Amino acid sequence: MSRLQRALQVYAFAALGLFLIVAPWSPVWHSATAAYLPTAIGPWLRSGFAKGLVTGLGALDLIAALGEAQAFLRDLRPGEGDRSVRS
């Protein structure tokens, strides 16, 4: 995987994670679920349980982004894995 692809992957995980953490607690979430889902699933999506579930998925995305960022930075360091003893 190229550096650009890995950097974009880190960005995508982080952006999605932040969105999933913030979106359920914004007024947009309530108005979208009320207007577009007038069925029985609408009230469930407005419940604290569903909001917490979506927020938890966002937190998992942020953890994945951190792991990918660590791997990306580790790959950028030259000679990190090549610590041979020179005489």
Protein backbone atom coordinates (compact mmCIF):
# COMPACT_ATOMS: atom_id res chain seq x y z
CA MET A 1 0.00 0.00 0.00
CA SER A 2 1.42 3.40 -0.95
CA ARG A 3 1.96 6.21 1.54
CA LEU A 4 -0.81 8.27 -0.01
CA GLN A 5 -3.30 5.41 0.22
CA ARG A 6 -2.37 4.79 3.84
CA ALA A 7 -2.67 8.49 4.70
CA LEU A 8 -6.08 8.65 3.02
CA GLN A 9 -7.15 5.56 4.95
CA VAL A 10 -6.15 7.19 8.25
CA TYR A 11 -8.05 10.34 7.27
CA ALA A 12 -11.16 8.40 6.27
CA PHE A 13 -11.23 6.39 9.51
CA ALA A 14 -10.72 9.54 11.60
CA ALA A 15 -13.31 11.61 9.73
CA LEU A 16 -15.92 8.87 9.85
CA GLY A 17 -15.22 8.25 13.53
CA LEU A 18 -15.64 11.91 14.43
CA PHE A 19 -18.81 12.15 12.39
CA LEU A 20 -20.32 9.08 14.06
CA ILE A 21 -19.45 10.43 17.50
CA VAL A 22 -20.91 13.90 16.94
CA ALA A 23 -23.86 13.29 14.61
CA PRO A 24 -26.22 11.35 16.92
CA TRP A 25 -26.12 14.12 19.51
CA SER A 26 -26.77 16.98 17.08
CA PRO A 27 -30.21 18.43 16.26
CA VAL A 28 -29.78 17.22 12.70
CA TRP A 29 -30.01 13.60 13.88
CA HIS A 30 -33.36 14.18 15.56
CA SER A 31 -34.87 16.07 12.65
CA ALA A 32 -33.61 13.54 10.09
CA THR A 33 -34.96 10.54 11.99
CA ALA A 34 -38.28 12.27 12.67
CA ALA A 35 -38.83 13.47 9.11
CA TYR A 36 -37.46 10.57 7.09
CA LEU A 37 -38.34 7.65 9.34
CA PRO A 38 -41.91 8.07 10.57
CA THR A 39 -42.18 4.30 11.00
CA ALA A 40 -41.56 2.33 14.17
CA ILE A 41 -37.78 2.50 13.71
CA GLY A 42 -37.74 6.32 13.98
CA PRO A 43 -38.33 6.49 17.76
CA TRP A 44 -35.79 3.72 18.29
CA LEU A 45 -33.13 5.69 16.38
CA ARG A 46 -33.87 8.71 18.56
CA SER A 47 -33.34 6.67 21.74
CA GLY A 48 -30.24 7.01 23.86
CA PHE A 49 -29.33 3.37 23.23
CA ALA A 50 -29.16 3.81 19.45
CA LYS A 51 -27.25 7.07 19.79
CA GLY A 52 -24.78 5.39 22.12
CA LEU A 53 -24.40 2.48 19.73
CA VAL A 54 -23.55 4.79 16.84
CA THR A 55 -21.18 6.77 19.07
CA GLY A 56 -19.45 3.52 20.05
CA LEU A 57 -18.95 2.66 16.39
CA GLY A 58 -17.41 6.09 15.92
CA ALA A 59 -15.05 5.46 18.82
CA LEU A 60 -14.01 2.16 17.24
CA ASP A 61 -13.29 4.01 14.00
CA LEU A 62 -11.09 6.48 15.87
CA ILE A 63 -9.20 3.61 17.50
CA ALA A 64 -8.68 2.08 14.06
CA ALA A 65 -7.45 5.45 12.77
CA LEU A 66 -4.95 5.69 15.61
CA GLY A 67 -3.67 2.19 14.90
CA GLU A 68 -3.31 2.96 11.20
CA ALA A 69 -1.58 6.27 11.98
CA GLN A 70 0.92 4.50 14.24
CA ALA A 71 1.67 1.96 11.53
CA PHE A 72 1.98 4.75 8.96
CA LEU A 73 4.43 6.70 11.13
CA ARG A 74 6.38 3.54 11.93
CA ASP A 75 6.78 2.88 8.19
CA LEU A 76 8.02 6.43 7.61
CA ARG A 77 10.96 6.06 9.99
CA PRO A 78 13.99 4.92 7.99
CA GLY A 79 15.88 1.90 9.27
CA GLU A 80 13.68 1.32 12.30
CA GLY A 81 13.50 -2.41 11.69
CA ASP A 82 17.10 -2.73 10.44
CA ARG A 83 19.05 -2.45 13.66
CA SER A 84 21.97 -4.63 12.82
CA VAL A 85 25.14 -4.60 14.87
CA ARG A 86 28.04 -3.03 13.03
CA SER A 87 31.62 -3.66 13.98
